[in-house]
Amino acid sequence: MFKVTHIKKSTNPTEEERWIEPRAQETYDKYIRISQEYRSTLPLESRDRPFTQEENENLWKQSAGEPIRGSVYGYRENTYQKKKSWYCGSSSSSFDGGDRETISARESKIAYLNAELAAVADREKKR
């Protein structure tokens, strides 16, 4: 989703994609590289599984840097705060553990599929 929201739209299909700012492309490229490196350290039977939400968030924070004034680059501020409260064991969440796990698994799957989609798009572009 980050890539989709941080690339300028063009009406010319032959025009190369342009990021909204250099930091966006650098962060995204670093995230892809760090994710691939991390995945290569996993046991073979675990390499195809989607990242957990915690793994994905940690990989993104390594790419984007630690929060500044409570906000991580590339995360909507309230989304990061909400997720942060889940990991801190905050009782302010109205979700029970099962819902949290389901949401986390789905978010991880979405992040994994977005990264795979971006990799396929990059491969197609190079053809």
N, C-alpha and C. Protein backbone atom coordinates (compact mmCIF):
# COMPACT_ATOMS: atom_id res chain seq x y z
N MET A 1 0.82 -1.19 0.00
CA MET A 1 0.00 0.00 0.00
C MET A 1 0.86 1.25 0.00
N PHE A 2 2.00 1.20 0.69
CA PHE A 2 2.88 2.36 0.76
C PHE A 2 3.30 2.80 -0.64
N LYS A 3 3.71 1.84 -1.47
CA LYS A 3 4.16 2.17 -2.82
C LYS A 3 3.04 2.82 -3.62
N VAL A 4 1.84 2.28 -3.52
CA VAL A 4 0.70 2.82 -4.26
C VAL A 4 0.42 4.27 -3.87
N THR A 5 0.54 4.57 -2.60
CA THR A 5 0.20 5.92 -2.13
C THR A 5 1.36 6.91 -2.22
N HIS A 6 2.55 6.45 -2.56
CA HIS A 6 3.70 7.34 -2.60
C HIS A 6 4.34 7.47 -3.98
N ILE A 7 3.62 7.05 -5.02
CA ILE A 7 4.08 7.22 -6.39
C ILE A 7 3.13 8.18 -7.09
N LYS A 8 3.71 9.13 -7.82
CA LYS A 8 2.88 10.08 -8.56
C LYS A 8 2.20 9.38 -9.72
N LYS A 9 0.94 9.67 -9.89
CA LYS A 9 0.17 9.09 -10.99
C LYS A 9 0.49 9.84 -12.28
N SER A 10 0.58 9.10 -13.37
CA SER A 10 0.87 9.71 -14.65
C SER A 10 -0.16 9.27 -15.66
N THR A 11 -0.49 10.15 -16.58
CA THR A 11 -1.42 9.79 -17.65
C THR A 11 -0.69 9.14 -18.81
N ASN A 12 0.63 9.22 -18.82
CA ASN A 12 1.44 8.63 -19.87
C ASN A 12 1.92 7.25 -19.43
N PRO A 13 1.42 6.17 -20.04
CA PRO A 13 1.79 4.83 -19.59
C PRO A 13 3.26 4.47 -19.82
N THR A 14 3.93 5.17 -20.72
CA THR A 14 5.34 4.86 -20.98
C THR A 14 6.28 5.59 -20.02
N GLU A 15 5.74 6.53 -19.29
CA GLU A 15 6.56 7.30 -18.35
C GLU A 15 6.95 6.44 -17.15
N GLU A 16 8.19 6.56 -16.74
CA GLU A 16 8.68 5.81 -15.59
C GLU A 16 8.01 6.33 -14.32
N GLU A 17 7.79 5.42 -13.37
CA GLU A 17 7.14 5.82 -12.12
C GLU A 17 8.02 6.83 -11.37
N ARG A 18 7.34 7.78 -10.73
CA ARG A 18 8.04 8.80 -9.96
C ARG A 18 7.50 8.81 -8.54
N TRP A 19 8.40 8.72 -7.60
CA TRP A 19 8.03 8.75 -6.18
C TRP A 19 7.75 10.19 -5.77
N ILE A 20 6.91 10.37 -4.77
CA ILE A 20 6.55 11.71 -4.33
C ILE A 20 7.73 12.44 -3.71
N GLU A 21 8.68 11.68 -3.17
CA GLU A 21 9.89 12.26 -2.62
C GLU A 21 10.96 11.17 -2.56
N PRO A 22 12.23 11.56 -2.60
CA PRO A 22 13.30 10.55 -2.55
C PRO A 22 13.23 9.66 -1.32
N ARG A 23 12.83 10.24 -0.18
CA ARG A 23 12.77 9.46 1.06
C ARG A 23 11.79 8.30 0.93
N ALA A 24 10.69 8.49 0.21
CA ALA A 24 9.70 7.43 0.04
C ALA A 24 10.31 6.24 -0.70
N GLN A 25 11.00 6.51 -1.80
CA GLN A 25 11.62 5.41 -2.55
C GLN A 25 12.73 4.75 -1.75
N GLU A 26 13.54 5.54 -1.08
CA GLU A 26 14.63 4.99 -0.27
C GLU A 26 14.08 4.09 0.84
N THR A 27 13.04 4.55 1.51
CA THR A 27 12.44 3.77 2.59
C THR A 27 11.84 2.48 2.06
N TYR A 28 11.11 2.57 0.96
CA TYR A 28 10.48 1.39 0.37
C TYR A 28 11.55 0.38 -0.09
N ASP A 29 12.56 0.86 -0.80
CA ASP A 29 13.62 -0.04 -1.27
C ASP A 29 14.35 -0.70 -0.10
N LYS A 30 14.58 0.07 0.96
CA LYS A 30 15.23 -0.48 2.14
C LYS A 30 14.34 -1.52 2.80
N TYR A 31 13.04 -1.26 2.87
CA TYR A 31 12.10 -2.23 3.44
C TYR A 31 12.12 -3.54 2.66
N ILE A 32 12.09 -3.46 1.34
CA ILE A 32 12.12 -4.67 0.51
C ILE A 32 13.41 -5.43 0.75
N ARG A 33 14.54 -4.73 0.79
CA ARG A 33 15.84 -5.37 1.00
C ARG A 33 15.91 -6.04 2.38
N ILE A 34 15.51 -5.30 3.42
CA ILE A 34 15.55 -5.83 4.78
C ILE A 34 14.60 -7.02 4.92
N SER A 35 13.42 -6.94 4.29
CA SER A 35 12.45 -8.03 4.35
C SER A 35 13.01 -9.29 3.70
N GLN A 36 13.64 -9.13 2.55
CA GLN A 36 14.23 -10.28 1.87
C GLN A 36 15.36 -10.88 2.68
N GLU A 37 16.19 -10.02 3.28
CA GLU A 37 17.28 -10.52 4.12
C GLU A 37 16.73 -11.27 5.32
N TYR A 38 15.70 -10.73 5.95
CA TYR A 38 15.11 -11.37 7.11
C TYR A 38 14.49 -12.71 6.71
N ARG A 39 13.76 -12.72 5.61
CA ARG A 39 13.11 -13.95 5.15
C ARG A 39 14.16 -15.04 4.89
N SER A 40 15.32 -14.66 4.38
CA SER A 40 16.37 -15.65 4.08
C SER A 40 16.95 -16.26 5.35
N THR A 41 16.75 -15.61 6.50
CA THR A 41 17.26 -16.16 7.76
C THR A 41 16.28 -17.13 8.41
N LEU A 42 15.04 -17.16 7.91
CA LEU A 42 14.02 -18.04 8.47
C LEU A 42 14.27 -19.48 8.04
N PRO A 43 13.82 -20.45 8.84
CA PRO A 43 13.92 -21.85 8.41
C PRO A 43 13.18 -22.04 7.08
N LEU A 44 13.65 -22.96 6.27
CA LEU A 44 13.06 -23.17 4.94
C LEU A 44 11.54 -23.33 4.97
N GLU A 45 11.04 -24.06 5.94
CA GLU A 45 9.59 -24.31 5.99
C GLU A 45 8.79 -23.06 6.37
N SER A 46 9.46 -22.03 6.86
CA SER A 46 8.76 -20.81 7.28
C SER A 46 8.91 -19.66 6.28
N ARG A 47 9.68 -19.84 5.25
CA ARG A 47 9.97 -18.72 4.34
C ARG A 47 8.77 -18.26 3.52
N ASP A 48 7.81 -19.13 3.29
CA ASP A 48 6.65 -18.76 2.48
C ASP A 48 5.50 -18.17 3.28
N ARG A 49 5.60 -18.22 4.58
CA ARG A 49 4.51 -17.70 5.40
C ARG A 49 4.56 -16.17 5.42
N PRO A 50 3.41 -15.54 5.57
CA PRO A 50 3.42 -14.08 5.69
C PRO A 50 4.05 -13.68 7.03
N PHE A 51 4.62 -12.49 7.05
CA PHE A 51 5.17 -11.97 8.29
C PHE A 51 4.05 -11.72 9.29
N THR A 52 4.35 -11.89 10.56
CA THR A 52 3.38 -11.48 11.57
C THR A 52 3.34 -9.96 11.57
N GLN A 53 2.32 -9.40 12.16
CA GLN A 53 2.22 -7.95 12.22
C GLN A 53 3.42 -7.36 12.96
N GLU A 54 3.83 -8.02 14.03
CA GLU A 54 4.98 -7.54 14.80
C GLU A 54 6.26 -7.57 13.96
N GLU A 55 6.47 -8.67 13.23
CA GLU A 55 7.64 -8.75 12.35
C GLU A 55 7.60 -7.65 11.30
N ASN A 56 6.44 -7.49 10.68
CA ASN A 56 6.30 -6.49 9.63
C ASN A 56 6.54 -5.08 10.17
N GLU A 57 5.99 -4.79 11.33
CA GLU A 57 6.19 -3.47 11.92
C GLU A 57 7.66 -3.24 12.27
N ASN A 58 8.32 -4.26 12.82
CA ASN A 58 9.74 -4.12 13.15
C ASN A 58 10.58 -3.92 11.89
N LEU A 59 10.27 -4.65 10.82
CA LEU A 59 11.00 -4.48 9.56
C LEU A 59 10.78 -3.06 9.01
N TRP A 60 9.54 -2.59 9.10
CA TRP A 60 9.26 -1.23 8.59
C TRP A 60 10.01 -0.19 9.43
N LYS A 61 10.00 -0.37 10.76
CA LYS A 61 10.70 0.60 11.62
C LYS A 61 12.20 0.59 11.34
N GLN A 62 12.76 -0.56 11.01
CA GLN A 62 14.18 -0.60 10.63
C GLN A 62 14.41 0.18 9.34
N SER A 63 13.44 0.15 8.45
CA SER A 63 13.55 0.85 7.17
C SER A 63 13.29 2.34 7.31
N ALA A 64 12.25 2.68 8.06
CA ALA A 64 11.80 4.08 8.14
C ALA A 64 12.42 4.82 9.32
N GLY A 65 12.93 4.09 10.29
CA GLY A 65 13.47 4.74 11.48
C GLY A 65 12.46 4.72 12.61
N GLU A 66 12.94 4.98 13.77
CA GLU A 66 12.09 4.98 14.97
C GLU A 66 11.07 6.13 14.90
N PRO A 67 10.03 6.02 15.69
CA PRO A 67 9.01 7.07 15.70
C PRO A 67 9.58 8.43 16.09
N ILE A 68 9.08 9.45 15.42
CA ILE A 68 9.41 10.83 15.75
C ILE A 68 8.11 11.47 16.22
N ARG A 69 8.11 11.96 17.44
CA ARG A 69 6.90 12.53 18.05
C ARG A 69 5.72 11.55 17.94
N GLY A 70 6.02 10.27 18.17
CA GLY A 70 4.97 9.26 18.19
C GLY A 70 4.52 8.78 16.82
N SER A 71 5.20 9.16 15.76
CA SER A 71 4.77 8.79 14.42
C SER A 71 5.92 8.13 13.65
N VAL A 72 5.62 7.03 12.96
CA VAL A 72 6.59 6.34 12.13
C VAL A 72 6.31 6.73 10.68
N TYR A 73 7.35 7.08 9.94
CA TYR A 73 7.20 7.46 8.53
C TYR A 73 6.50 6.33 7.76
N GLY A 74 5.47 6.68 7.02
CA GLY A 74 4.75 5.70 6.22
C GLY A 74 3.54 5.10 6.90
N TYR A 75 3.38 5.32 8.19
CA TYR A 75 2.21 4.87 8.93
C TYR A 75 1.33 6.08 9.18
N ARG A 76 0.02 5.88 9.03
CA ARG A 76 -0.87 6.95 9.50
C ARG A 76 -0.69 7.00 11.01
N GLU A 77 -0.60 8.17 11.56
CA GLU A 77 -0.28 8.32 12.98
C GLU A 77 -1.22 7.54 13.88
N ASN A 78 -2.52 7.65 13.64
CA ASN A 78 -3.46 6.95 14.53
C ASN A 78 -3.37 5.44 14.35
N THR A 79 -3.00 4.97 13.17
CA THR A 79 -2.83 3.52 12.96
C THR A 79 -1.68 3.02 13.78
N TYR A 80 -0.56 3.73 13.75
CA TYR A 80 0.61 3.29 14.52
C TYR A 80 0.29 3.31 16.01
N GLN A 81 -0.37 4.36 16.48
CA GLN A 81 -0.70 4.45 17.90
C GLN A 81 -1.61 3.30 18.31
N LYS A 82 -2.58 2.97 17.47
CA LYS A 82 -3.51 1.89 17.78
C LYS A 82 -2.76 0.56 17.86
N LYS A 83 -1.90 0.30 16.87
CA LYS A 83 -1.13 -0.94 16.88
C LYS A 83 -0.18 -0.98 18.05
N LYS A 84 0.42 0.16 18.35
CA LYS A 84 1.35 0.22 19.47
C LYS A 84 0.63 -0.19 20.76
N SER A 85 -0.61 0.25 20.93
CA SER A 85 -1.33 -0.09 22.15
C SER A 85 -1.61 -1.59 22.22
N TRP A 86 -1.77 -2.25 21.08
CA TRP A 86 -1.98 -3.70 21.09
C TRP A 86 -0.75 -4.40 21.66
N TYR A 87 0.43 -3.96 21.25
CA TYR A 87 1.64 -4.64 21.68
C TYR A 87 2.02 -4.29 23.11
N CYS A 88 1.55 -3.16 23.57
CA CYS A 88 1.87 -2.75 24.94
C CYS A 88 0.89 -3.35 25.94
N GLY A 89 -0.08 -4.11 25.45
CA GLY A 89 -1.05 -4.73 26.35
C GLY A 89 -2.06 -3.74 26.88
N SER A 90 -2.28 -2.67 26.16
CA SER A 90 -3.23 -1.66 26.60
C SER A 90 -4.64 -2.24 26.67
N SER A 91 -5.35 -1.89 27.69
CA SER A 91 -6.72 -2.37 27.83
C SER A 91 -7.69 -1.45 27.11
N SER A 92 -7.19 -0.43 26.43
CA SER A 92 -8.08 0.51 25.75
C SER A 92 -8.68 -0.09 24.49
N SER A 93 -8.12 -1.19 24.00
CA SER A 93 -8.65 -1.83 22.80
C SER A 93 -9.90 -2.62 23.16
N SER A 94 -10.90 -2.56 22.30
CA SER A 94 -12.12 -3.31 22.57
C SER A 94 -12.08 -4.69 21.94
N PHE A 95 -10.97 -5.05 21.30
CA PHE A 95 -10.84 -6.36 20.67
C PHE A 95 -10.39 -7.38 21.69
N ASP A 96 -10.88 -8.61 21.54
CA ASP A 96 -10.33 -9.67 22.37
C ASP A 96 -9.14 -10.28 21.63
N GLY A 97 -8.42 -11.17 22.28
CA GLY A 97 -7.21 -11.73 21.71
C GLY A 97 -7.42 -12.40 20.36
N GLY A 98 -8.51 -13.11 20.19
CA GLY A 98 -8.77 -13.79 18.92
C GLY A 98 -8.92 -12.81 17.78
N ASP A 99 -9.66 -11.73 18.00
CA ASP A 99 -9.82 -10.72 16.96
C ASP A 99 -8.49 -10.08 16.63
N ARG A 100 -7.69 -9.79 17.62
CA ARG A 100 -6.39 -9.18 17.41
C ARG A 100 -5.51 -10.07 16.55
N GLU A 101 -5.53 -11.36 16.85
CA GLU A 101 -4.72 -12.31 16.09
C GLU A 101 -5.19 -12.38 14.64
N THR A 102 -6.48 -12.40 14.44
CA THR A 102 -7.03 -12.46 13.09
C THR A 102 -6.66 -11.21 12.31
N ILE A 103 -6.84 -10.06 12.91
CA ILE A 103 -6.49 -8.81 12.24
C ILE A 103 -5.01 -8.76 11.95
N SER A 104 -4.21 -9.13 12.90
CA SER A 104 -2.76 -9.13 12.72
C SER A 104 -2.36 -10.05 11.58
N ALA A 105 -2.93 -11.24 11.53
CA ALA A 105 -2.61 -12.19 10.47
C ALA A 105 -3.02 -11.64 9.10
N ARG A 106 -4.17 -11.03 9.04
CA ARG A 106 -4.63 -10.46 7.77
C ARG A 106 -3.76 -9.29 7.33
N GLU A 107 -3.39 -8.43 8.28
CA GLU A 107 -2.52 -7.31 7.94
C GLU A 107 -1.17 -7.80 7.45
N SER A 108 -0.64 -8.83 8.08
CA SER A 108 0.62 -9.42 7.66
C SER A 108 0.51 -9.99 6.25
N LYS A 109 -0.58 -10.68 6.00
CA LYS A 109 -0.80 -11.26 4.67
C LYS A 109 -0.88 -10.15 3.62
N ILE A 110 -1.58 -9.07 3.92
CA ILE A 110 -1.70 -7.94 3.00
C ILE A 110 -0.32 -7.35 2.72
N ALA A 111 0.47 -7.13 3.77
CA ALA A 111 1.81 -6.57 3.60
C ALA A 111 2.66 -7.49 2.76
N TYR A 112 2.58 -8.80 3.02
CA TYR A 112 3.35 -9.78 2.25
C TYR A 112 2.93 -9.74 0.78
N LEU A 113 1.62 -9.75 0.51
CA LEU A 113 1.13 -9.73 -0.86
C LEU A 113 1.49 -8.44 -1.57
N ASN A 114 1.46 -7.31 -0.86
CA ASN A 114 1.88 -6.04 -1.46
C ASN A 114 3.35 -6.07 -1.85
N ALA A 115 4.19 -6.64 -0.99
CA ALA A 115 5.61 -6.76 -1.31
C ALA A 115 5.82 -7.69 -2.50
N GLU A 116 5.08 -8.79 -2.54
CA GLU A 116 5.18 -9.72 -3.67
C GLU A 116 4.71 -9.05 -4.95
N LEU A 117 3.61 -8.31 -4.88
CA LEU A 117 3.09 -7.60 -6.04
C LEU A 117 4.12 -6.59 -6.56
N ALA A 118 4.74 -5.87 -5.66
CA ALA A 118 5.76 -4.90 -6.06
C ALA A 118 6.94 -5.61 -6.72
N ALA A 119 7.34 -6.75 -6.19
CA ALA A 119 8.45 -7.50 -6.78
C ALA A 119 8.09 -7.99 -8.17
N VAL A 120 6.87 -8.47 -8.36
CA VAL A 120 6.42 -8.91 -9.68
C VAL A 120 6.39 -7.74 -10.64
N ALA A 121 5.87 -6.61 -10.19
CA ALA A 121 5.81 -5.42 -11.03
C ALA A 121 7.21 -4.98 -11.44
N ASP A 122 8.16 -5.03 -10.51
CA ASP A 122 9.54 -4.68 -10.84
C ASP A 122 10.13 -5.64 -11.87
N ARG A 123 9.85 -6.94 -11.70
CA ARG A 123 10.35 -7.93 -12.67
C ARG A 123 9.74 -7.68 -14.04
N GLU A 124 8.44 -7.41 -14.08
CA GLU A 124 7.76 -7.15 -15.35
C GLU A 124 8.31 -5.90 -16.03
N LYS A 125 8.63 -4.92 -15.23
CA LYS A 125 9.15 -3.66 -15.75
C LYS A 125 10.51 -3.86 -16.42
N LYS A 126 11.30 -4.78 -15.87
CA LYS A 126 12.63 -5.04 -16.39
C LYS A 126 12.62 -5.86 -17.67
N ARG A 127 11.51 -6.48 -18.00
CA ARG A 127 11.42 -7.29 -19.23
C ARG A 127 11.47 -6.47 -20.46
